[in-house]
Amino acid sequence: MSFLRTIGVVGVVALSSAYVFMALRGPQGLSSLEEKWHEIRELQQQNAELRRTVELRTDRIKKLQESPAEQELEIRKRLKLMRKGETTFITPETEESESK
């Protein structure tokens, strides 16, 4: 009777081991987990870049709100206005500045 019990226990352990091995090697196993970790790292990097962008834009907005000189420069730049006596030089755009 103990021999059959031993064979049963060994069989259950073998089947359990096979199931665990297949589960780890299958499509939902370790490879999938590694891909998800990689995706999480990429998304964290994107979030960090977006936070930096937001911070820079927030600083720019604060400068524009607090400084009339900054406001004037921005308005003149966007509307392409000049003061009396100012001279503007127009240079041909290069491929690098066009792509930005």
N, C-alpha and C. Protein backbone atom coordinates (compact mmCIF):
# COMPACT_ATOMS: atom_id res chain seq x y z
N MET A 1 0.82 -1.19 0.00
CA MET A 1 0.00 0.00 0.00
C MET A 1 0.87 1.25 0.00
N SER A 2 1.98 1.24 0.73
CA SER A 2 2.82 2.42 0.78
C SER A 2 3.53 2.63 -0.56
N PHE A 3 3.76 1.51 -1.32
CA PHE A 3 4.39 1.64 -2.63
C PHE A 3 3.49 2.42 -3.58
N LEU A 4 2.19 2.11 -3.56
CA LEU A 4 1.23 2.83 -4.40
C LEU A 4 1.13 4.30 -3.98
N ARG A 5 1.19 4.50 -2.71
CA ARG A 5 1.12 5.88 -2.18
C ARG A 5 2.34 6.67 -2.65
N THR A 6 3.50 6.06 -2.60
CA THR A 6 4.75 6.70 -3.04
C THR A 6 4.67 7.02 -4.53
N ILE A 7 4.17 6.08 -5.33
CA ILE A 7 4.03 6.31 -6.77
C ILE A 7 3.03 7.44 -7.01
N GLY A 8 1.96 7.46 -6.27
CA GLY A 8 0.96 8.53 -6.40
C GLY A 8 1.54 9.90 -6.07
N VAL A 9 2.30 9.97 -4.98
CA VAL A 9 2.92 11.24 -4.58
C VAL A 9 3.92 11.69 -5.64
N VAL A 10 4.74 10.76 -6.12
CA VAL A 10 5.73 11.09 -7.16
C VAL A 10 5.01 11.56 -8.43
N GLY A 11 3.93 10.89 -8.77
CA GLY A 11 3.15 11.27 -9.96
C GLY A 11 2.56 12.66 -9.83
N VAL A 12 2.00 12.95 -8.66
CA VAL A 12 1.41 14.28 -8.42
C VAL A 12 2.50 15.35 -8.48
N VAL A 13 3.65 15.08 -7.88
CA VAL A 13 4.76 16.04 -7.90
C VAL A 13 5.24 16.24 -9.34
N ALA A 14 5.34 15.14 -10.10
CA ALA A 14 5.80 15.24 -11.49
C ALA A 14 4.81 16.04 -12.34
N LEU A 15 3.53 15.76 -12.17
CA LEU A 15 2.51 16.51 -12.92
C LEU A 15 2.48 17.98 -12.52
N SER A 16 2.62 18.23 -11.24
CA SER A 16 2.65 19.61 -10.77
C SER A 16 3.86 20.35 -11.32
N SER A 17 4.99 19.67 -11.31
CA SER A 17 6.22 20.27 -11.86
C SER A 17 6.07 20.55 -13.35
N ALA A 18 5.49 19.61 -14.07
CA ALA A 18 5.27 19.80 -15.51
C ALA A 18 4.32 20.97 -15.76
N TYR A 19 3.27 21.06 -14.96
CA TYR A 19 2.32 22.16 -15.11
C TYR A 19 2.99 23.51 -14.84
N VAL A 20 3.77 23.59 -13.78
CA VAL A 20 4.47 24.83 -13.45
C VAL A 20 5.46 25.19 -14.56
N PHE A 21 6.19 24.21 -15.06
CA PHE A 21 7.15 24.45 -16.13
C PHE A 21 6.44 24.98 -17.37
N MET A 22 5.34 24.36 -17.76
CA MET A 22 4.59 24.80 -18.94
C MET A 22 3.97 26.19 -18.72
N ALA A 23 3.51 26.43 -17.52
CA ALA A 23 2.91 27.74 -17.23
C ALA A 23 3.95 28.85 -17.32
N LEU A 24 5.16 28.57 -16.84
CA LEU A 24 6.22 29.59 -16.89
C LEU A 24 6.76 29.78 -18.30
N ARG A 25 6.77 28.73 -19.11
CA ARG A 25 7.31 28.82 -20.46
C ARG A 25 6.25 29.21 -21.49
N GLY A 26 5.00 29.17 -21.14
CA GLY A 26 3.91 29.43 -22.08
C GLY A 26 3.76 30.91 -22.41
N PRO A 27 2.74 31.24 -23.18
CA PRO A 27 2.54 32.62 -23.63
C PRO A 27 2.25 33.61 -22.49
N GLN A 28 1.76 33.13 -21.40
CA GLN A 28 1.49 34.01 -20.25
C GLN A 28 2.56 33.87 -19.18
N GLY A 29 3.68 33.30 -19.53
CA GLY A 29 4.73 33.00 -18.55
C GLY A 29 5.75 34.10 -18.39
N LEU A 30 6.98 33.70 -18.20
CA LEU A 30 8.07 34.63 -17.91
C LEU A 30 8.36 35.58 -19.06
N SER A 31 8.25 35.10 -20.30
CA SER A 31 8.52 35.99 -21.44
C SER A 31 7.51 37.13 -21.48
N SER A 32 6.27 36.82 -21.22
CA SER A 32 5.24 37.85 -21.18
C SER A 32 5.50 38.83 -20.03
N LEU A 33 5.91 38.30 -18.91
CA LEU A 33 6.20 39.14 -17.75
C LEU A 33 7.36 40.09 -18.05
N GLU A 34 8.39 39.57 -18.71
CA GLU A 34 9.54 40.40 -19.07
C GLU A 34 9.13 41.51 -20.05
N GLU A 35 8.29 41.18 -21.03
CA GLU A 35 7.79 42.18 -21.97
C GLU A 35 7.00 43.27 -21.24
N LYS A 36 6.21 42.87 -20.27
CA LYS A 36 5.43 43.84 -19.51
C LYS A 36 6.33 44.74 -18.67
N TRP A 37 7.39 44.20 -18.09
CA TRP A 37 8.36 45.00 -17.34
C TRP A 37 9.02 46.02 -18.26
N HIS A 38 9.38 45.57 -19.48
CA HIS A 38 10.00 46.46 -20.45
C HIS A 38 9.04 47.59 -20.83
N GLU A 39 7.80 47.23 -21.06
CA GLU A 39 6.78 48.23 -21.41
C GLU A 39 6.58 49.22 -20.26
N ILE A 40 6.58 48.73 -19.04
CA ILE A 40 6.43 49.60 -17.87
C ILE A 40 7.59 50.58 -17.80
N ARG A 41 8.82 50.10 -18.03
CA ARG A 41 10.00 50.99 -18.02
C ARG A 41 9.88 52.07 -19.09
N GLU A 42 9.44 51.69 -20.28
CA GLU A 42 9.27 52.67 -21.36
C GLU A 42 8.22 53.71 -21.00
N LEU A 43 7.11 53.26 -20.43
CA LEU A 43 6.05 54.20 -20.04
C LEU A 43 6.51 55.12 -18.92
N GLN A 44 7.32 54.60 -18.00
CA GLN A 44 7.86 55.45 -16.94
C GLN A 44 8.79 56.51 -17.52
N GLN A 45 9.58 56.15 -18.51
CA GLN A 45 10.46 57.12 -19.16
C GLN A 45 9.64 58.18 -19.89
N GLN A 46 8.59 57.75 -20.58
CA GLN A 46 7.72 58.70 -21.27
C GLN A 46 7.06 59.65 -20.27
N ASN A 47 6.62 59.11 -19.14
CA ASN A 47 6.01 59.95 -18.11
C ASN A 47 7.00 60.97 -17.58
N ALA A 48 8.25 60.55 -17.37
CA ALA A 48 9.27 61.47 -16.88
C ALA A 48 9.52 62.58 -17.89
N GLU A 49 9.58 62.23 -19.18
CA GLU A 49 9.77 63.24 -20.21
C GLU A 49 8.59 64.20 -20.26
N LEU A 50 7.39 63.67 -20.14
CA LEU A 50 6.20 64.52 -20.15
C LEU A 50 6.17 65.44 -18.93
N ARG A 51 6.59 64.93 -17.78
CA ARG A 51 6.65 65.78 -16.57
C ARG A 51 7.62 66.93 -16.79
N ARG A 52 8.80 66.62 -17.38
CA ARG A 52 9.78 67.69 -17.67
C ARG A 52 9.20 68.71 -18.63
N THR A 53 8.51 68.24 -19.66
CA THR A 53 7.90 69.15 -20.64
C THR A 53 6.87 70.04 -19.96
N VAL A 54 6.04 69.45 -19.13
CA VAL A 54 5.02 70.22 -18.42
C VAL A 54 5.67 71.24 -17.50
N GLU A 55 6.73 70.84 -16.82
CA GLU A 55 7.44 71.74 -15.91
C GLU A 55 8.04 72.92 -16.68
N LEU A 56 8.66 72.64 -17.83
CA LEU A 56 9.23 73.72 -18.64
C LEU A 56 8.16 74.67 -19.14
N ARG A 57 7.04 74.12 -19.58
CA ARG A 57 5.95 74.97 -20.08
C ARG A 57 5.31 75.77 -18.95
N THR A 58 5.22 75.17 -17.76
CA THR A 58 4.68 75.89 -16.61
C THR A 58 5.60 77.05 -16.25
N ASP A 59 6.90 76.82 -16.27
CA ASP A 59 7.85 77.90 -16.00
C ASP A 59 7.73 79.01 -17.03
N ARG A 60 7.57 78.61 -18.30
CA ARG A 60 7.43 79.60 -19.38
C ARG A 60 6.16 80.43 -19.17
N ILE A 61 5.09 79.79 -18.79
CA ILE A 61 3.83 80.51 -18.54
C ILE A 61 3.99 81.48 -17.38
N LYS A 62 4.67 81.03 -16.31
CA LYS A 62 4.89 81.93 -15.17
C LYS A 62 5.71 83.14 -15.58
N LYS A 63 6.76 82.92 -16.40
CA LYS A 63 7.58 84.03 -16.87
C LYS A 63 6.73 85.01 -17.68
N LEU A 64 5.87 84.47 -18.54
CA LEU A 64 5.03 85.34 -19.36
C LEU A 64 4.02 86.10 -18.51
N GLN A 65 3.52 85.48 -17.47
CA GLN A 65 2.54 86.15 -16.61
C GLN A 65 3.18 87.24 -15.77
N GLU A 66 4.42 87.02 -15.35
CA GLU A 66 5.06 87.93 -14.40
C GLU A 66 5.91 89.01 -15.06
N SER A 67 6.34 88.81 -16.29
CA SER A 67 7.28 89.74 -16.90
C SER A 67 6.70 90.39 -18.15
N PRO A 68 6.46 91.70 -18.08
CA PRO A 68 5.97 92.40 -19.27
C PRO A 68 6.97 92.35 -20.43
N ALA A 69 8.26 92.33 -20.13
CA ALA A 69 9.27 92.25 -21.18
C ALA A 69 9.16 90.92 -21.93
N GLU A 70 8.94 89.84 -21.20
CA GLU A 70 8.76 88.52 -21.83
C GLU A 70 7.49 88.51 -22.67
N GLN A 71 6.43 89.12 -22.16
CA GLN A 71 5.18 89.20 -22.91
C GLN A 71 5.40 89.94 -24.22
N GLU A 72 6.09 91.07 -24.13
CA GLU A 72 6.34 91.87 -25.33
C GLU A 72 7.16 91.08 -26.36
N LEU A 73 8.20 90.41 -25.90
CA LEU A 73 9.01 89.62 -26.82
C LEU A 73 8.20 88.52 -27.50
N GLU A 74 7.37 87.85 -26.74
CA GLU A 74 6.54 86.77 -27.30
C GLU A 74 5.55 87.31 -28.32
N ILE A 75 4.91 88.43 -27.99
CA ILE A 75 3.95 89.04 -28.90
C ILE A 75 4.64 89.48 -30.19
N ARG A 76 5.79 90.13 -30.04
CA ARG A 76 6.52 90.59 -31.21
C ARG A 76 6.99 89.42 -32.07
N LYS A 77 7.39 88.35 -31.43
CA LYS A 77 7.86 87.18 -32.17
C LYS A 77 6.70 86.53 -32.94
N ARG A 78 5.57 86.37 -32.28
CA ARG A 78 4.43 85.70 -32.94
C ARG A 78 3.80 86.55 -34.03
N LEU A 79 3.71 87.85 -33.78
CA LEU A 79 3.08 88.73 -34.77
C LEU A 79 4.08 89.33 -35.75
N LYS A 80 5.35 89.01 -35.54
CA LYS A 80 6.43 89.50 -36.39
C LYS A 80 6.42 91.03 -36.47
N LEU A 81 6.32 91.64 -35.30
CA LEU A 81 6.33 93.10 -35.20
C LEU A 81 7.72 93.60 -34.88
N MET A 82 7.98 94.86 -35.28
CA MET A 82 9.28 95.48 -34.99
C MET A 82 9.02 96.87 -34.42
N ARG A 83 9.99 97.35 -33.66
CA ARG A 83 9.95 98.72 -33.18
C ARG A 83 10.55 99.63 -34.24
N LYS A 84 10.29 100.91 -34.09
CA LYS A 84 10.88 101.87 -35.02
C LYS A 84 12.39 101.84 -34.87
N GLY A 85 13.06 101.82 -35.99
CA GLY A 85 14.52 101.83 -35.98
C GLY A 85 15.14 100.45 -35.91
N GLU A 86 14.35 99.42 -35.69
CA GLU A 86 14.90 98.06 -35.64
C GLU A 86 15.05 97.51 -37.05
N THR A 87 16.04 96.67 -37.20
CA THR A 87 16.26 96.02 -38.49
C THR A 87 16.21 94.52 -38.25
N THR A 88 15.48 93.83 -39.11
CA THR A 88 15.37 92.39 -39.01
C THR A 88 16.04 91.76 -40.22
N PHE A 89 16.86 90.77 -39.96
CA PHE A 89 17.51 90.05 -41.03
C PHE A 89 16.80 88.72 -41.21
N ILE A 90 16.41 88.44 -42.43
CA ILE A 90 15.74 87.18 -42.73
C ILE A 90 16.75 86.29 -43.44
N THR A 91 17.01 85.16 -42.84
CA THR A 91 17.96 84.22 -43.42
C THR A 91 17.20 83.01 -43.97
N PRO A 92 17.73 82.38 -44.99
CA PRO A 92 17.04 81.19 -45.53
C PRO A 92 17.07 80.07 -44.49
N GLU A 93 15.97 79.37 -44.41
CA GLU A 93 15.87 78.28 -43.44
C GLU A 93 16.60 77.06 -43.97
N THR A 94 17.28 76.37 -43.08
CA THR A 94 17.98 75.15 -43.46
C THR A 94 17.05 73.97 -43.23
N GLU A 95 17.46 72.82 -43.70
CA GLU A 95 16.64 71.62 -43.54
C GLU A 95 16.45 71.26 -42.07
N GLU A 96 17.47 71.49 -41.24
CA GLU A 96 17.39 71.16 -39.82
C GLU A 96 16.33 71.99 -39.13
N SER A 97 16.29 73.30 -39.40
CA SER A 97 15.30 74.14 -38.73
C SER A 97 13.90 73.89 -39.27
N GLU A 98 13.78 73.45 -40.52
CA GLU A 98 12.46 73.14 -41.07
C GLU A 98 11.89 71.89 -40.45
N SER A 99 12.73 70.92 -40.11
CA SER A 99 12.25 69.68 -39.54
C SER A 99 11.82 69.82 -38.09
N LYS A 100 12.26 70.86 -37.41
CA LYS A 100 11.92 71.06 -36.00
C LYS A 100 10.59 71.62 -35.89
